[in-house]
Amino acid sequence: MRLPLAIAVVVVVGCTQSHSSFSPYPIPLQLSAAGGALLARATVDASGAPFSVVVDTGTILTTFDDGSGQVRALTGDLTLYGVDASATAIPRLNLTDVQLFEGPLGLIGVSSAATRVGGVIGGDNLSHFAVGFDYRAAAPTMTLTENLTQCDCQLAPACDRQDACYAVLPFTLAGGQDTALQGQTRITIGTDQYSYPSTRVLLDACLEPLPDPVDTTACVQPGGTCPGHPAYVPSGVDVKLLVATGFPGVALSANAYDRLRGAGSAAELLAGPLTTLHLVDPADEGPTGAGVQVATTTLGRLSAPGDLGASPLAFVSGKEPFFGPCASLARSRRIRRAYIAGGTPADVAYENAHPGECAGEHCCLVDLSRDCRGAGGDYALQCDATNRGASFCNDSSNDTPAAAVVELKAPLSIYVMPDVTPLLVGINSDVRPTSATVDGVVGTAALAQLVATIDYPGNRFIAQCVREDDCVVYPRLSLPSPFDCGFCKGPKDLRVCPDLPGMRACPPAL
């Protein structure tokens, strides 16, 4: 979401200090349509009737439209209202003396189901909180918290603590840079210039990996010494995605779709029937209000004879050593499988009698001491060449983490949009060069399968599944590292309690 006039932003004019007060209880919201954007209501300076606003983590600025067509910046008071079952608006969040922007806004939604809104609550104000989203009830809810438990390890399982099991995906808020290369990320309104804080939440993901095999499928063929099932070696395509609660669905850029399906696939898809997306921003609406023309398709596929199928996507914890999302996903699977299914008495006896060798499912662990070319071993060799013998290149090392994973399992309808779509151009002009190219947007279609918290102050995305049939979540297992807080348990420590949720998949949210 961008303001018109190629605006990008700063947020300090004068010395006014803003304040907030909010309800700590779940705030009922609405969807713009089935699978659509999150909507609340708001007023500015307590005047007039509450108007409809999009709650969007993917938008950088809080903006409202008073119908005048004027573009301006102002300091004012913003009140956000929840919407209960009787459509009564109840004040839930009060922000006083905050930076606001005013400008024309369009529709939000898909084709004829799009609806007009009067404002957008963006990351500039949401980023002060840990913001929880829950779509399980008849109406979705949002919960605001100022401070969550800051230690990731308190959200991870241990043999003596089985009440904690979440996927915690760390991120570094992106965007908002003010460099000579990014003059477009500054706003000029009249003679004033504005800049804005970093609020973009970007997650690493693997598109269409083979389905999660950890609980059901052996990794090693009888007598084998390397991973023998393809789901335990890298599959799929690495991407980076923006989390946007105001986006009605999930979208990929044409470039990302071509990487997944082959060169020219996006052009072929976009030459067929198209769907109109309305994304509030006049830049996306165009001069005629025609919206963005996108193609629709499906990510993931069910298994069939001769076809293992594919999960649509898996979010994987970033900042893992060396390996990208798809390779980290495969490694996480290998480590968990080796420790939940390995270690039979016969295997232990063999390993005791043959030091340095593996037996059974322990051979799922890729180790540089064994030649596993083409079975994940090529990645370990590249890691070793780059990192000069670092122990984390071996799956079996004490300090090798098992990445956190949020894997959606049921085929997922998505949009494919041209790379020149203003939404994508604006996002990437904002986050570059400090972040890799953003390949798409994750909105309601994916987030509705999770109970998730975007912990802005803690720089982490925390998630559990709603249901086990279409989603699987694993926590990050790690010994102390720069990204954890000093007393985590590593995979080797948890091999003595292999049935623990955590080594296995976490249970769904209650």
Protein backbone atom coordinates (compact mmCIF):
# COMPACT_ATOMS: atom_id res chain seq x y z
CA MET A 1 0.00 0.00 0.00
CA ARG A 2 1.38 3.38 -0.97
CA LEU A 3 -0.02 6.86 -0.88
CA PRO A 4 -0.41 8.51 -4.28
CA LEU A 5 2.24 10.88 -5.67
CA ALA A 6 4.95 8.18 -5.40
CA ILE A 7 4.93 8.81 -1.67
CA ALA A 8 7.02 6.78 0.72
CA VAL A 9 7.43 8.12 4.22
CA VAL A 10 8.97 9.62 7.44
CA VAL A 11 7.09 9.99 10.56
CA VAL A 12 8.39 12.84 12.64
CA VAL A 13 7.35 16.46 12.30
CA GLY A 14 7.48 18.48 15.51
CA CYS A 15 7.97 17.09 19.00
CA THR A 16 4.53 15.67 19.82
CA GLN A 17 4.67 12.34 21.63
CA SER A 18 1.99 9.80 20.82
CA HIS A 19 0.22 7.59 23.36
CA SER A 20 -1.94 4.50 23.14
CA SER A 21 -4.53 2.66 25.20
CA PHE A 22 -6.13 -0.60 24.13
CA SER A 23 -8.23 -3.55 25.17
CA PRO A 24 -6.15 -6.65 25.97
CA TYR A 25 -9.01 -8.93 24.89
CA PRO A 26 -9.64 -10.29 21.38
CA ILE A 27 -11.03 -7.58 19.11
CA PRO A 28 -13.74 -8.89 16.76
CA LEU A 29 -13.18 -7.99 13.12
CA GLN A 30 -14.86 -8.72 9.80
CA LEU A 31 -13.75 -10.09 6.45
CA SER A 32 -14.36 -7.99 3.36
CA ALA A 33 -15.67 -11.20 1.73
CA ALA A 34 -15.01 -14.93 2.05
CA GLY A 35 -11.23 -15.17 2.27
CA GLY A 36 -10.98 -11.40 2.02
CA ALA A 37 -9.18 -8.63 3.87
CA LEU A 38 -9.50 -7.96 7.61
CA LEU A 39 -11.79 -5.03 8.38
CA ALA A 40 -12.43 -2.97 11.49
CA ARG A 41 -13.91 0.50 11.98
CA ALA A 42 -12.26 3.73 13.00
CA THR A 43 -12.69 7.43 13.60
CA VAL A 44 -10.19 10.26 13.37
CA ASP A 45 -10.25 12.92 16.11
CA ALA A 46 -13.47 11.33 17.46
CA SER A 47 -15.53 13.01 14.76
CA GLY A 48 -18.29 11.49 12.64
CA ALA A 49 -19.54 7.93 12.47
CA PRO A 50 -16.98 5.10 12.47
CA PHE A 51 -15.88 4.20 8.94
CA SER A 52 -14.59 0.89 7.60
CA VAL A 53 -10.81 0.37 7.65
CA VAL A 54 -8.51 -2.42 6.49
CA VAL A 55 -6.17 -3.84 9.15
CA ASP A 56 -3.10 -4.56 7.04
CA THR A 57 0.32 -5.64 8.25
CA GLY A 58 1.55 -5.25 4.67
CA THR A 59 0.79 -1.52 4.49
CA ILE A 60 3.38 0.90 5.77
CA LEU A 61 1.19 3.92 6.58
CA THR A 62 -2.06 4.53 8.42
CA THR A 63 -4.16 6.45 5.92
CA PHE A 64 -7.76 7.62 5.71
CA ASP A 65 -9.91 9.11 2.96
CA ASP A 66 -12.27 11.95 3.82
CA GLY A 67 -13.55 12.16 0.27
CA SER A 68 -11.91 15.51 -0.49
CA GLY A 69 -9.23 14.07 -2.80
CA GLN A 70 -6.64 15.97 -0.78
CA VAL A 71 -3.25 14.47 0.07
CA ARG A 72 -1.83 15.65 3.38
CA ALA A 73 -0.08 14.60 6.57
CA LEU A 74 -1.45 15.46 9.99
CA THR A 75 -1.12 14.63 13.66
CA GLY A 76 -4.34 13.44 15.23
CA ASP A 77 -6.18 10.89 17.34
CA LEU A 78 -7.24 7.55 15.93
CA THR A 79 -9.80 5.24 17.54
CA LEU A 80 -10.16 1.66 16.31
CA TYR A 81 -13.44 -0.15 16.95
CA GLY A 82 -14.13 -3.86 17.01
CA VAL A 83 -17.32 -5.00 15.31
CA ASP A 84 -19.54 -7.40 17.27
CA ALA A 85 -22.17 -9.82 15.94
CA SER A 86 -24.86 -7.13 15.98
CA ALA A 87 -22.57 -4.82 13.93
CA THR A 88 -22.15 -2.52 16.93
CA ALA A 89 -18.82 -0.68 16.92
CA ILE A 90 -16.97 -0.86 20.26
CA PRO A 91 -13.82 1.24 20.90
CA ARG A 92 -10.84 -1.07 21.41
CA LEU A 93 -7.72 0.98 20.59
CA ASN A 94 -7.05 4.69 21.11
CA LEU A 95 -3.98 6.34 19.62
CA THR A 96 -3.44 9.99 20.47
CA ASP A 97 -1.19 12.47 18.70
CA VAL A 98 -0.09 9.98 16.04
CA GLN A 99 1.11 10.68 12.52
CA LEU A 100 -1.71 10.10 10.04
CA PHE A 101 -1.96 10.51 6.29
CA GLU A 102 -4.94 11.47 4.22
CA GLY A 103 -5.46 10.61 0.57
CA PRO A 104 -7.81 8.97 -1.91
CA LEU A 105 -8.41 5.26 -1.41
CA GLY A 106 -10.08 2.65 -3.60
CA LEU A 107 -11.86 -0.66 -3.14
CA ILE A 108 -10.64 -3.83 -1.45
CA GLY A 109 -11.50 -7.32 -2.61
CA VAL A 110 -11.98 -9.52 -5.64
CA SER A 111 -14.01 -8.47 -8.70
CA SER A 112 -17.64 -7.67 -7.87
CA ALA A 113 -17.15 -8.70 -4.23
CA ALA A 114 -14.88 -5.70 -3.62
CA THR A 115 -16.00 -3.15 -1.05
CA ARG A 116 -15.11 0.48 -0.42
CA VAL A 117 -13.22 1.40 2.73
CA GLY A 118 -12.39 4.70 4.34
CA GLY A 119 -8.96 3.90 5.70
CA VAL A 120 -6.08 1.51 6.33
CA ILE A 121 -4.43 0.78 9.69
CA GLY A 122 -0.84 0.09 8.70
CA GLY A 123 2.41 -1.18 10.11
CA ASP A 124 3.44 2.24 11.41
CA ASN A 125 0.91 1.82 14.22
CA LEU A 126 0.55 -1.98 14.39
CA SER A 127 4.30 -2.36 14.87
CA HIS A 128 4.11 -1.06 18.45
CA PHE A 129 2.43 -4.33 19.48
CA ALA A 130 2.54 -8.09 19.27
CA VAL A 131 -0.54 -8.59 17.09
CA GLY A 132 -2.38 -11.91 17.26
CA PHE A 133 -4.77 -13.12 14.54
CA ASP A 134 -7.30 -15.92 14.96
CA TYR A 135 -9.77 -16.85 12.20
CA ARG A 136 -11.38 -19.88 13.90
CA ALA A 137 -14.61 -18.31 15.15
CA ALA A 138 -17.49 -17.04 13.04
CA ALA A 139 -15.66 -13.71 12.91
CA PRO A 140 -11.87 -13.29 12.97
CA THR A 141 -10.25 -11.58 15.94
CA MET A 142 -7.14 -9.51 16.59
CA THR A 143 -5.38 -9.31 19.95
CA LEU A 144 -2.89 -6.58 20.90
CA THR A 145 -0.15 -7.17 23.45
CA GLU A 146 2.63 -4.78 24.39
CA ASN A 147 5.09 -7.39 25.66
CA LEU A 148 5.27 -11.12 25.06
CA THR A 149 7.71 -13.56 26.64
CA GLN A 150 10.88 -12.48 24.91
CA CYS A 151 12.78 -15.76 24.96
CA ASP A 152 12.12 -18.04 22.01
CA CYS A 153 13.25 -21.02 24.03
CA GLN A 154 10.32 -20.60 26.40
CA LEU A 155 8.13 -21.34 23.38
CA ALA A 156 10.12 -24.47 22.48
CA PRO A 157 9.69 -27.94 23.99
CA ALA A 158 12.00 -29.79 26.33
CA CYS A 159 11.73 -33.31 27.74
CA ASP A 160 10.60 -31.91 31.09
CA ARG A 161 8.29 -29.28 29.59
CA GLN A 162 5.69 -30.51 27.14
CA ASP A 163 3.26 -27.60 27.27
CA ALA A 164 5.18 -25.41 24.81
CA CYS A 165 5.22 -26.12 21.09
CA TYR A 166 5.12 -23.31 18.54
CA ALA A 167 6.82 -22.52 15.28
CA VAL A 168 8.81 -19.35 15.93
CA LEU A 169 10.07 -17.75 12.73
CA PRO A 170 12.46 -14.83 13.36
CA PHE A 171 12.45 -11.91 10.97
CA THR A 172 14.12 -8.54 10.61
CA LEU A 173 11.62 -5.81 9.85
CA ALA A 174 12.30 -4.54 6.33
CA GLY A 175 11.73 -1.33 4.42
CA GLY A 176 11.94 2.27 5.48
CA GLN A 177 15.56 2.73 4.56
CA ASP A 178 16.65 6.25 3.73
CA THR A 179 19.54 5.94 1.31
CA ALA A 180 20.63 7.57 -1.91
CA LEU A 181 19.54 4.41 -3.72
CA GLN A 182 16.06 4.59 -2.24
CA GLY A 183 14.86 8.13 -2.76
CA GLN A 184 11.49 6.65 -3.66
CA THR A 185 11.04 5.66 -0.01
CA ARG A 186 10.68 9.28 0.99
CA ILE A 187 7.43 11.20 0.85
CA THR A 188 7.15 14.76 -0.28
CA ILE A 189 3.92 16.60 0.47
CA GLY A 190 4.21 20.24 -0.42
CA THR A 191 7.50 21.39 1.09
CA ASP A 192 7.62 18.67 3.77
CA GLN A 193 9.40 15.33 3.54
CA TYR A 194 8.56 12.26 5.58
CA SER A 195 10.24 8.93 6.29
CA TYR A 196 8.81 5.82 7.92
CA PRO A 197 9.93 2.99 10.20
CA SER A 198 10.71 -0.52 8.98
CA THR A 199 7.50 -2.53 9.28
CA ARG A 200 7.54 -5.08 6.46
CA VAL A 201 7.28 -8.66 7.78
CA LEU A 202 9.08 -10.97 5.34
CA LEU A 203 9.18 -14.74 5.75
CA ASP A 204 11.31 -17.32 3.97
CA ALA A 205 9.27 -20.04 2.29
CA CYS A 206 9.63 -23.12 0.13
CA LEU A 207 7.07 -23.49 -2.67
CA GLU A 208 5.69 -26.95 -3.41
CA PRO A 209 8.01 -29.17 -1.37
CA LEU A 210 7.19 -32.85 -1.26
CA PRO A 211 4.67 -33.46 1.57
CA ASP A 212 5.84 -33.79 5.16
CA PRO A 213 6.96 -37.42 5.71
CA VAL A 214 8.32 -37.34 9.25
CA ASP A 215 5.71 -39.40 11.11
CA THR A 216 4.74 -41.78 8.34
CA THR A 217 7.57 -42.46 5.89
CA ALA A 218 10.97 -44.10 6.31
CA CYS A 219 13.94 -42.03 5.21
CA VAL A 220 16.44 -44.84 4.59
CA GLN A 221 16.07 -47.91 2.41
CA PRO A 222 16.86 -51.21 4.21
CA GLY A 223 20.64 -51.50 4.40
CA GLY A 224 21.11 -47.96 3.09
CA THR A 225 23.58 -45.41 4.45
CA CYS A 226 22.00 -42.22 3.03
CA PRO A 227 18.53 -40.69 2.73
CA GLY A 228 16.61 -42.82 0.26
CA HIS A 229 13.23 -41.07 0.14
CA PRO A 230 13.05 -37.85 -1.93
CA ALA A 231 11.03 -35.95 0.67
CA TYR A 232 14.14 -35.87 2.91
CA VAL A 233 16.30 -34.03 0.38
CA PRO A 234 15.62 -30.51 -0.95
CA SER A 235 12.59 -30.11 -3.19
CA GLY A 236 10.62 -27.04 -4.19
CA VAL A 237 11.59 -23.42 -4.89
CA ASP A 238 12.93 -20.85 -2.41
CA VAL A 239 10.99 -17.56 -2.12
CA LYS A 240 10.54 -14.61 0.21
CA LEU A 241 6.96 -13.54 0.99
CA LEU A 242 5.36 -10.50 2.60
CA VAL A 243 2.76 -11.09 5.33
CA ALA A 244 -0.23 -8.84 4.60
CA THR A 245 -3.46 -9.33 6.57
CA GLY A 246 -5.18 -6.86 4.24
CA PHE A 247 -4.48 -8.90 1.11
CA PRO A 248 -7.44 -11.03 -0.04
CA GLY A 249 -5.60 -14.28 -0.71
CA VAL A 250 -2.09 -15.38 -1.62
CA ALA A 251 -0.15 -14.08 -4.64
CA LEU A 252 3.09 -14.85 -6.46
CA SER A 253 5.00 -12.70 -8.90
CA ALA A 254 5.30 -13.91 -12.48
CA ASN A 255 9.03 -14.39 -11.93
CA ALA A 256 8.49 -16.68 -8.94
CA TYR A 257 5.86 -18.67 -10.84
CA ASP A 258 8.26 -19.14 -13.76
CA ARG A 259 10.91 -20.46 -11.36
CA LEU A 260 8.36 -22.94 -10.07
CA ARG A 261 6.74 -24.05 -13.32
CA GLY A 262 9.32 -23.15 -15.98
CA ALA A 263 10.11 -20.11 -18.13
CA GLY A 264 7.05 -18.71 -19.89
CA SER A 265 4.54 -20.36 -17.56
CA ALA A 266 3.34 -17.07 -16.07
CA ALA A 267 2.92 -15.43 -19.48
CA GLU A 268 0.85 -18.40 -20.65
CA LEU A 269 -1.30 -18.23 -17.53
CA LEU A 270 -1.76 -14.45 -17.79
CA ALA A 271 -2.83 -14.82 -21.43
CA GLY A 272 -5.89 -16.73 -20.27
CA PRO A 273 -8.93 -15.68 -18.21
CA LEU A 274 -8.08 -13.02 -15.62
CA THR A 275 -9.46 -11.95 -12.24
CA THR A 276 -9.66 -8.36 -10.99
CA LEU A 277 -8.11 -7.55 -7.61
CA HIS A 278 -8.89 -4.26 -5.87
CA LEU A 279 -6.17 -3.39 -3.35
CA VAL A 280 -7.28 0.02 -1.96
CA ASP A 281 -4.23 1.86 -3.28
CA PRO A 282 -5.06 4.15 -6.24
CA ALA A 283 -1.73 3.12 -7.80
CA ASP A 284 -3.12 -0.41 -8.15
CA GLU A 285 -6.59 0.76 -9.15
CA GLY A 286 -5.25 2.73 -12.12
CA PRO A 287 -6.79 5.87 -13.59
CA THR A 288 -10.05 4.10 -14.45
CA GLY A 289 -10.40 2.14 -11.21
CA ALA A 290 -10.00 -1.12 -13.12
CA GLY A 291 -7.87 -2.78 -10.44
CA VAL A 292 -5.07 -5.31 -10.96
CA GLN A 293 -5.56 -8.05 -13.53
CA VAL A 294 -4.22 -11.37 -12.24
CA ALA A 295 -4.44 -15.04 -13.13
CA THR A 296 -5.63 -17.73 -10.76
CA THR A 297 -4.06 -21.14 -10.29
CA THR A 298 -3.30 -23.68 -7.57
CA LEU A 299 -0.23 -24.41 -5.48
CA GLY A 300 0.28 -27.96 -4.31
CA ARG A 301 -1.30 -31.18 -5.48
CA LEU A 302 -2.71 -34.32 -3.92
CA SER A 303 -0.80 -37.56 -4.15
CA ALA A 304 -1.75 -40.05 -6.85
CA PRO A 305 -0.35 -43.35 -8.13
CA GLY A 306 3.19 -42.60 -9.24
CA ASP A 307 3.06 -39.06 -7.82
CA LEU A 308 3.98 -38.20 -4.22
CA GLY A 309 2.06 -34.93 -4.51
CA ALA A 310 3.27 -31.60 -3.12
CA SER A 311 2.42 -29.27 -0.27
CA PRO A 312 1.61 -25.75 -1.50
CA LEU A 313 4.19 -24.05 0.67
CA ALA A 314 6.18 -24.21 3.88
CA PHE A 315 7.41 -21.24 5.89
CA VAL A 316 10.85 -22.00 7.30
CA SER A 317 12.74 -20.13 10.00
CA GLY A 318 15.25 -17.78 8.46
CA LYS A 319 18.76 -17.06 9.75
CA GLU A 320 19.61 -20.75 9.56
CA PRO A 321 23.29 -21.47 8.88
CA PHE A 322 24.09 -21.55 5.14
CA PHE A 323 21.01 -23.43 3.89
CA GLY A 324 18.03 -21.79 2.19
CA PRO A 325 14.37 -22.53 2.99
CA CYS A 326 13.93 -25.73 0.98
CA ALA A 327 17.26 -27.21 2.09
CA SER A 328 16.59 -26.20 5.73
CA LEU A 329 13.16 -27.83 5.49
CA ALA A 330 14.70 -31.09 4.26
CA ARG A 331 17.35 -31.00 7.00
CA SER A 332 14.69 -30.37 9.68
CA ARG A 333 12.84 -33.44 8.43
CA ARG A 334 15.98 -35.61 8.40
CA ILE A 335 16.95 -34.68 11.94
CA ARG A 336 13.49 -35.29 13.38
CA ARG A 337 13.03 -38.57 11.53
CA ALA A 338 16.44 -39.90 12.58
CA TYR A 339 15.73 -39.30 16.26
CA ILE A 340 12.09 -40.37 16.45
CA ALA A 341 12.52 -43.57 14.40
CA GLY A 342 16.21 -44.46 14.86
CA GLY A 343 17.95 -46.14 17.74
CA THR A 344 16.39 -49.61 17.72
CA PRO A 345 18.33 -52.11 19.85
CA ALA A 346 19.77 -53.77 16.74
CA ASP A 347 20.84 -50.42 15.30
CA VAL A 348 22.44 -49.36 18.56
CA ALA A 349 24.31 -52.65 18.80
CA TYR A 350 25.62 -52.24 15.25
CA GLU A 351 26.73 -48.65 15.85
CA ASN A 352 28.47 -49.63 19.09
CA ALA A 353 30.32 -52.35 17.27
CA HIS A 354 31.19 -50.14 14.29
CA PRO A 355 32.15 -46.65 15.57
CA GLY A 356 31.61 -43.89 13.03
CA GLU A 357 29.10 -45.90 11.01
CA CYS A 358 25.29 -45.53 11.02
CA ALA A 359 22.44 -47.98 11.07
CA GLY A 360 18.75 -47.71 10.22
CA GLU A 361 17.09 -44.31 10.31
CA HIS A 362 20.20 -42.73 11.85
CA CYS A 363 21.58 -42.94 8.29
CA CYS A 364 19.05 -40.25 7.38
CA LEU A 365 21.49 -37.75 8.93
CA VAL A 366 23.72 -36.37 6.21
CA ASP A 367 27.31 -36.36 7.41
CA LEU A 368 30.45 -35.39 5.53
CA SER A 369 32.08 -38.59 6.73
CA ARG A 370 29.75 -40.52 4.38
CA ASP A 371 29.47 -40.01 0.64
CA CYS A 372 25.80 -39.16 0.05
CA ARG A 373 26.11 -37.40 -3.31
CA GLY A 374 22.70 -36.46 -4.69
CA ALA A 375 20.97 -37.31 -1.41
CA GLY A 376 21.47 -34.03 0.40
CA GLY A 377 25.20 -34.61 0.56
CA ASP A 378 25.91 -32.12 -2.23
CA TYR A 379 24.50 -29.36 -0.02
CA ALA A 380 26.71 -30.48 2.88
CA LEU A 381 29.78 -30.41 0.62
CA GLN A 382 28.96 -26.89 -0.56
CA CYS A 383 28.44 -25.83 3.06
CA ASP A 384 31.81 -27.29 4.03
CA ALA A 385 33.57 -25.60 1.11
CA THR A 386 32.06 -22.24 2.05
CA ASN A 387 32.39 -22.50 5.82
CA ARG A 388 35.74 -24.34 6.05
CA GLY A 389 34.80 -27.32 8.11
CA ALA A 390 32.03 -25.75 10.23
CA SER A 391 30.37 -28.45 12.32
CA PHE A 392 26.86 -27.27 11.39
CA CYS A 393 27.43 -28.64 7.87
CA ASN A 394 26.76 -32.09 9.39
CA ASP A 395 23.20 -33.01 10.40
CA SER A 396 24.60 -35.09 13.27
CA SER A 397 26.49 -32.28 15.04
CA ASN A 398 25.37 -31.13 18.47
CA ASP A 399 25.05 -27.52 17.32
CA THR A 400 23.11 -28.19 14.12
CA PRO A 401 19.59 -26.75 14.50
CA ALA A 402 16.37 -28.24 13.18
CA ALA A 403 14.54 -25.34 11.55
CA ALA A 404 11.06 -24.27 12.58
CA VAL A 405 8.47 -25.14 9.94
CA VAL A 406 4.90 -24.12 9.15
CA GLU A 407 3.76 -26.35 6.30
CA LEU A 408 0.36 -25.95 4.63
CA LYS A 409 -0.67 -29.32 3.22
CA ALA A 410 -3.92 -28.85 1.27
CA PRO A 411 -3.79 -27.42 -2.29
CA LEU A 412 -4.08 -23.64 -2.15
CA SER A 413 -5.69 -21.29 -4.66
CA ILE A 414 -3.38 -18.37 -5.50
CA TYR A 415 -3.08 -15.36 -7.78
CA VAL A 416 -0.21 -14.81 -10.21
CA MET A 417 0.46 -11.15 -10.97
CA PRO A 418 2.81 -9.40 -13.41
CA ASP A 419 6.15 -8.32 -11.97
CA VAL A 420 5.30 -4.70 -12.84
CA THR A 421 2.18 -4.69 -10.64
CA PRO A 422 2.44 -1.49 -8.53
CA LEU A 423 1.99 -3.52 -5.34
CA LEU A 424 5.10 -5.63 -6.05
CA VAL A 425 7.12 -2.72 -7.43
CA GLY A 426 6.35 -0.65 -4.33
CA ILE A 427 7.25 -3.44 -1.91
CA ASN A 428 10.57 -4.17 -3.60
CA SER A 429 11.57 -0.55 -4.04
CA ASP A 430 11.04 -0.25 -0.29
CA VAL A 431 12.97 -3.30 0.94
CA ARG A 432 15.92 -3.34 -1.44
CA PRO A 433 18.89 -3.49 -1.27
CA THR A 434 19.03 -4.81 2.30
CA SER A 435 16.55 -7.62 1.60
CA ALA A 436 16.21 -10.09 -1.24
CA THR A 437 13.44 -9.62 -3.76
CA VAL A 438 9.96 -10.22 -2.38
CA ASP A 439 8.30 -12.87 -4.55
CA GLY A 440 4.72 -12.61 -3.35
CA VAL A 441 2.18 -11.80 -0.68
CA VAL A 442 0.65 -14.03 2.00
CA GLY A 443 -2.83 -12.96 3.02
CA THR A 444 -6.02 -14.43 4.37
CA ALA A 445 -6.08 -17.71 2.42
CA ALA A 446 -2.95 -18.90 4.22
CA LEU A 447 -3.23 -17.02 7.52
CA ALA A 448 -6.72 -18.39 8.16
CA GLN A 449 -5.16 -21.85 8.56
CA LEU A 450 -3.08 -20.60 11.50
CA VAL A 451 -3.42 -19.05 14.92
CA ALA A 452 -0.55 -16.62 14.56
CA THR A 453 1.09 -13.67 16.28
CA ILE A 454 3.24 -11.10 14.54
CA ASP A 455 5.46 -10.04 17.41
CA TYR A 456 6.83 -6.78 16.03
CA PRO A 457 8.87 -5.82 19.14
CA GLY A 458 10.29 -9.36 19.35
CA ASN A 459 10.90 -9.67 15.59
CA ARG A 460 9.23 -13.06 15.29
CA PHE A 461 6.22 -14.75 13.72
CA ILE A 462 4.70 -17.30 16.12
CA ALA A 463 2.25 -19.88 14.78
CA GLN A 464 0.22 -22.98 15.52
CA CYS A 465 -2.07 -24.86 13.14
CA VAL A 466 -5.85 -24.61 13.29
CA ARG A 467 -6.32 -28.19 12.01
CA GLU A 468 -4.00 -31.14 11.55
CA ASP A 469 -5.46 -32.26 8.24
CA ASP A 470 -4.22 -29.27 6.22
CA CYS A 471 -1.31 -27.92 8.28
CA VAL A 472 1.73 -29.10 10.23
CA VAL A 473 3.97 -27.05 12.55
CA TYR A 474 7.36 -27.89 14.06
CA PRO A 475 9.35 -25.76 16.53
CA ARG A 476 12.96 -24.78 16.06
CA LEU A 477 15.28 -27.09 17.98
CA SER A 478 18.64 -25.50 18.75
CA LEU A 479 21.42 -25.30 21.25
CA PRO A 480 22.34 -21.76 22.33
CA SER A 481 22.79 -19.51 19.33
CA PRO A 482 22.72 -15.78 18.53
CA PHE A 483 19.03 -16.18 17.63
CA ASP A 484 17.95 -17.96 20.81
CA CYS A 485 18.31 -17.01 24.44
CA GLY A 486 20.80 -19.42 25.88
CA PHE A 487 19.10 -22.54 27.22
CA CYS A 488 17.40 -24.21 24.26
CA LYS A 489 17.58 -27.93 23.73
CA GLY A 490 19.15 -29.21 20.55
CA PRO A 491 17.86 -32.16 18.53
CA LYS A 492 20.39 -34.53 20.08
CA ASP A 493 19.19 -33.59 23.57
CA LEU A 494 15.59 -34.42 22.63
CA ARG A 495 16.37 -37.81 21.11
CA VAL A 496 15.76 -39.28 24.58
CA CYS A 497 12.11 -38.14 24.38
CA PRO A 498 11.31 -38.73 20.69
CA ASP A 499 7.54 -38.84 21.20
CA LEU A 500 7.50 -35.30 22.52
CA PRO A 501 5.49 -32.80 20.45
CA GLY A 502 8.31 -30.77 19.08
CA MET A 503 10.49 -33.58 17.88
CA ARG A 504 7.21 -34.60 16.30
CA ALA A 505 4.66 -32.09 14.99
CA CYS A 506 3.07 -29.67 17.44
CA PRO A 507 -0.60 -30.23 18.32
CA PRO A 508 -3.07 -27.76 16.83
CA ALA A 509 -4.11 -24.65 18.72
CA LEU A 510 -6.75 -25.17 21.39
